Amino acid sequence: MEDLNNIWNDEDELNEEQLLSYINGKSTEEEQHEVKKQMNDSSLINDAVEGLQQFSSTKKMSSYVEQINTQLKHQLKKKKSKNKFYKPDISWQVIAVVIVVVLCLIGFTIIEMMHK
């Protein structure tokens, strides 16, 4: 739970090259065995491989990956700017309230002295 933004396990991490070579059938038997093992161990990796196998060409896949990354960066920038709260400068407001309270106390004191 140390890094909630990292959904991949560090020791089981597959990179893009390994996935593409597996899907295109260009990986060695050892690499294929490793990918299959990771697919059995992780439903996320299994879903990723199955989804990538649905593409008819690697060019389309690359363009989709670039498009998704661009959209994701754009959405993250929007979300980051929305999360910033507007913090108005309240120092003048505090000073004004203090002055009004002090004037009220002075006025009350003057009125009390006049009645005595």
C-alpha atoms as a PDB file:
ATOM      1  CA  MET A   1       0.000   0.000   0.000  1.00  0.00           C
ATOM      2  CA  GLU A   2       3.029   2.264  -0.113  1.00  0.00           C
ATOM      3  CA  ASP A   3       2.459   3.371  -3.704  1.00  0.00           C
ATOM      4  CA  LEU A   4      -1.204   3.378  -4.651  1.00  0.00           C
ATOM      5  CA  ASN A   5      -0.508   4.907  -8.068  1.00  0.00           C
ATOM      6  CA  ASN A   6       1.610   1.934  -9.170  1.00  0.00           C
ATOM      7  CA  ILE A   7      -0.791  -0.837 -10.195  1.00  0.00           C
ATOM      8  CA  TRP A   8       1.948  -3.123 -11.483  1.00  0.00           C
ATOM      9  CA  ASN A   9       3.969  -5.256  -9.094  1.00  0.00           C
ATOM     10  CA  ASP A  10       7.630  -4.346  -9.377  1.00  0.00           C
ATOM     11  CA  GLU A  11       8.885  -7.926  -9.583  1.00  0.00           C
ATOM     12  CA  ASP A  12       6.214  -8.933 -12.123  1.00  0.00           C
ATOM     13  CA  GLU A  13       6.447  -5.892 -14.325  1.00  0.00           C
ATOM     14  CA  LEU A  14       6.137  -6.450 -18.059  1.00  0.00           C
ATOM     15  CA  ASN A  15       7.244  -3.704 -20.362  1.00  0.00           C
ATOM     16  CA  GLU A  16       5.716  -2.714 -23.655  1.00  0.00           C
ATOM     17  CA  GLU A  17       8.411  -4.462 -25.692  1.00  0.00           C
ATOM     18  CA  GLN A  18       7.828  -7.802 -23.964  1.00  0.00           C
ATOM     19  CA  LEU A  19       4.082  -7.594 -24.533  1.00  0.00           C
ATOM     20  CA  LEU A  20       4.446  -6.641 -28.189  1.00  0.00           C
ATOM     21  CA  SER A  21       7.002  -9.350 -28.910  1.00  0.00           C
ATOM     22  CA  TYR A  22       4.739 -11.926 -27.200  1.00  0.00           C
ATOM     23  CA  ILE A  23       1.695 -10.833 -29.184  1.00  0.00           C
ATOM     24  CA  ASN A  24       3.606 -10.758 -32.484  1.00  0.00           C
ATOM     25  CA  GLY A  25       5.126 -14.185 -31.763  1.00  0.00           C
ATOM     26  CA  LYS A  26       8.685 -12.837 -31.799  1.00  0.00           C
ATOM     27  CA  SER A  27       9.572 -13.686 -28.212  1.00  0.00           C
ATOM     28  CA  THR A  28      11.669 -16.653 -27.152  1.00  0.00           C
ATOM     29  CA  GLU A  29      10.120 -19.690 -25.506  1.00  0.00           C
ATOM     30  CA  GLU A  30      11.466 -18.561 -22.145  1.00  0.00           C
ATOM     31  CA  GLU A  31       9.880 -15.108 -22.563  1.00  0.00           C
ATOM     32  CA  GLN A  32       6.599 -16.685 -23.684  1.00  0.00           C
ATOM     33  CA  HIS A  33       6.620 -18.948 -20.641  1.00  0.00           C
ATOM     34  CA  GLU A  34       7.277 -15.941 -18.377  1.00  0.00           C
ATOM     35  CA  VAL A  35       4.418 -13.945 -19.924  1.00  0.00           C
ATOM     36  CA  LYS A  36       2.026 -16.906 -19.645  1.00  0.00           C
ATOM     37  CA  LYS A  37       3.038 -17.386 -16.017  1.00  0.00           C
ATOM     38  CA  GLN A  38       2.365 -13.724 -15.288  1.00  0.00           C
ATOM     39  CA  MET A  39      -0.961 -13.943 -17.138  1.00  0.00           C
ATOM     40  CA  ASN A  40      -1.989 -16.823 -14.862  1.00  0.00           C
ATOM     41  CA  ASP A  41      -0.881 -14.923 -11.763  1.00  0.00           C
ATOM     42  CA  SER A  42      -2.479 -11.582 -12.607  1.00  0.00           C
ATOM     43  CA  SER A  43      -5.869 -10.908 -14.116  1.00  0.00           C
ATOM     44  CA  LEU A  44      -4.700  -7.390 -15.020  1.00  0.00           C
ATOM     45  CA  ILE A  45      -1.866  -8.736 -17.183  1.00  0.00           C
ATOM     46  CA  ASN A  46      -4.186 -11.368 -18.645  1.00  0.00           C
ATOM     47  CA  ASP A  47      -6.726  -8.700 -19.614  1.00  0.00           C
ATOM     48  CA  ALA A  48      -3.974  -6.516 -21.073  1.00  0.00           C
ATOM     49  CA  VAL A  49      -2.643  -9.314 -23.277  1.00  0.00           C
ATOM     50  CA  GLU A  50      -6.132 -10.339 -24.412  1.00  0.00           C
ATOM     51  CA  GLY A  51      -6.975  -6.740 -25.242  1.00  0.00           C
ATOM     52  CA  LEU A  52      -3.765  -6.220 -27.184  1.00  0.00           C
ATOM     53  CA  GLN A  53      -4.393  -9.395 -29.179  1.00  0.00           C
ATOM     54  CA  GLN A  54      -7.619  -7.847 -30.513  1.00  0.00           C
ATOM     55  CA  PHE A  55      -5.691  -5.270 -32.568  1.00  0.00           C
ATOM     56  CA  SER A  56      -5.135  -6.126 -36.215  1.00  0.00           C
ATOM     57  CA  SER A  57      -1.858  -4.208 -36.561  1.00  0.00           C
ATOM     58  CA  THR A  58       0.817  -2.783 -34.305  1.00  0.00           C
ATOM     59  CA  LYS A  59       0.566   0.597 -36.060  1.00  0.00           C
ATOM     60  CA  LYS A  60      -3.049   0.962 -34.967  1.00  0.00           C
ATOM     61  CA  MET A  61      -2.116  -0.152 -31.483  1.00  0.00           C
ATOM     62  CA  SER A  62       0.697   2.407 -31.271  1.00  0.00           C
ATOM     63  CA  SER A  63      -1.575   5.207 -32.434  1.00  0.00           C
ATOM     64  CA  TYR A  64      -4.220   4.228 -29.865  1.00  0.00           C
ATOM     65  CA  VAL A  65      -1.595   4.139 -27.112  1.00  0.00           C
ATOM     66  CA  GLU A  66      -0.369   7.615 -28.053  1.00  0.00           C
ATOM     67  CA  GLN A  67      -3.927   8.922 -28.213  1.00  0.00           C
ATOM     68  CA  ILE A  68      -4.818   7.462 -24.813  1.00  0.00           C
ATOM     69  CA  ASN A  69      -1.644   8.818 -23.222  1.00  0.00           C
ATOM     70  CA  THR A  70      -2.355  12.292 -24.619  1.00  0.00           C
ATOM     71  CA  GLN A  71      -5.939  12.218 -23.344  1.00  0.00           C
ATOM     72  CA  LEU A  72      -4.825  10.950 -19.949  1.00  0.00           C
ATOM     73  CA  LYS A  73      -2.228  13.711 -19.572  1.00  0.00           C
ATOM     74  CA  HIS A  74      -4.833  16.295 -20.581  1.00  0.00           C
ATOM     75  CA  GLN A  75      -7.364  14.963 -18.059  1.00  0.00           C
ATOM     76  CA  LEU A  76      -4.766  14.866 -15.298  1.00  0.00           C
ATOM     77  CA  LYS A  77      -3.825  18.491 -15.964  1.00  0.00           C
ATOM     78  CA  LYS A  78      -7.508  19.485 -15.788  1.00  0.00           C
ATOM     79  CA  LYS A  79      -8.019  17.545 -12.577  1.00  0.00           C
ATOM     80  CA  LYS A  80      -4.894  19.039 -11.021  1.00  0.00           C
ATOM     81  CA  SER A  81      -6.075  22.577 -11.756  1.00  0.00           C
ATOM     82  CA  LYS A  82      -9.600  21.846 -10.462  1.00  0.00           C
ATOM     83  CA  ASN A  83      -8.259  20.562  -7.144  1.00  0.00           C
ATOM     84  CA  LYS A  84      -6.589  23.838  -6.264  1.00  0.00           C
ATOM     85  CA  PHE A  85      -8.840  25.737  -3.915  1.00  0.00           C
ATOM     86  CA  TYR A  86      -9.116  29.477  -4.263  1.00  0.00           C
ATOM     87  CA  LYS A  87      -7.776  30.990  -1.089  1.00  0.00           C
ATOM     88  CA  PRO A  88      -8.635  34.680  -0.934  1.00  0.00           C
ATOM     89  CA  ASP A  89      -6.401  37.014   1.001  1.00  0.00           C
ATOM     90  CA  ILE A  90      -8.330  37.417   4.254  1.00  0.00           C
ATOM     91  CA  SER A  91      -5.820  39.642   6.051  1.00  0.00           C
ATOM     92  CA  TRP A  92      -7.778  42.824   5.185  1.00  0.00           C
ATOM     93  CA  GLN A  93     -10.990  41.219   6.337  1.00  0.00           C
ATOM     94  CA  VAL A  94      -9.453  40.293   9.684  1.00  0.00           C
ATOM     95  CA  ILE A  95      -8.068  43.804  10.123  1.00  0.00           C
ATOM     96  CA  ALA A  96     -11.485  45.316   9.318  1.00  0.00           C
ATOM     97  CA  VAL A  97     -13.232  43.068  11.868  1.00  0.00           C
ATOM     98  CA  VAL A  98     -10.657  43.934  14.550  1.00  0.00           C
ATOM     99  CA  ILE A  99     -11.082  47.667  13.864  1.00  0.00           C
ATOM    100  CA  VAL A 100     -14.887  47.402  14.084  1.00  0.00           C
ATOM    101  CA  VAL A 101     -14.662  45.485  17.379  1.00  0.00           C
ATOM    102  CA  VAL A 102     -12.200  48.026  18.821  1.00  0.00           C
ATOM    103  CA  LEU A 103     -14.447  50.941  17.740  1.00  0.00           C
ATOM    104  CA  CYS A 104     -17.444  49.229  19.348  1.00  0.00           C
ATOM    105  CA  LEU A 105     -15.524  48.768  22.604  1.00  0.00           C
ATOM    106  CA  ILE A 106     -14.401  52.407  22.566  1.00  0.00           C
ATOM    107  CA  GLY A 107     -17.949  53.565  21.870  1.00  0.00           C
ATOM    108  CA  PHE A 108     -19.332  51.369  24.642  1.00  0.00           C
ATOM    109  CA  THR A 109     -16.713  52.711  27.077  1.00  0.00           C
ATOM    110  CA  ILE A 110     -17.503  56.322  26.167  1.00  0.00           C
ATOM    111  CA  ILE A 111     -21.239  55.746  26.580  1.00  0.00           C
ATOM    112  CA  GLU A 112     -20.696  54.095  29.996  1.00  0.00           C
ATOM    113  CA  MET A 113     -18.554  57.033  31.159  1.00  0.00           C
ATOM    114  CA  MET A 114     -21.190  59.545  30.100  1.00  0.00           C
ATOM    115  CA  HIS A 115     -23.881  57.767  32.120  1.00  0.00           C
ATOM    116  CA  LYS A 116     -21.838  57.858  35.326  1.00  0.00           C
END
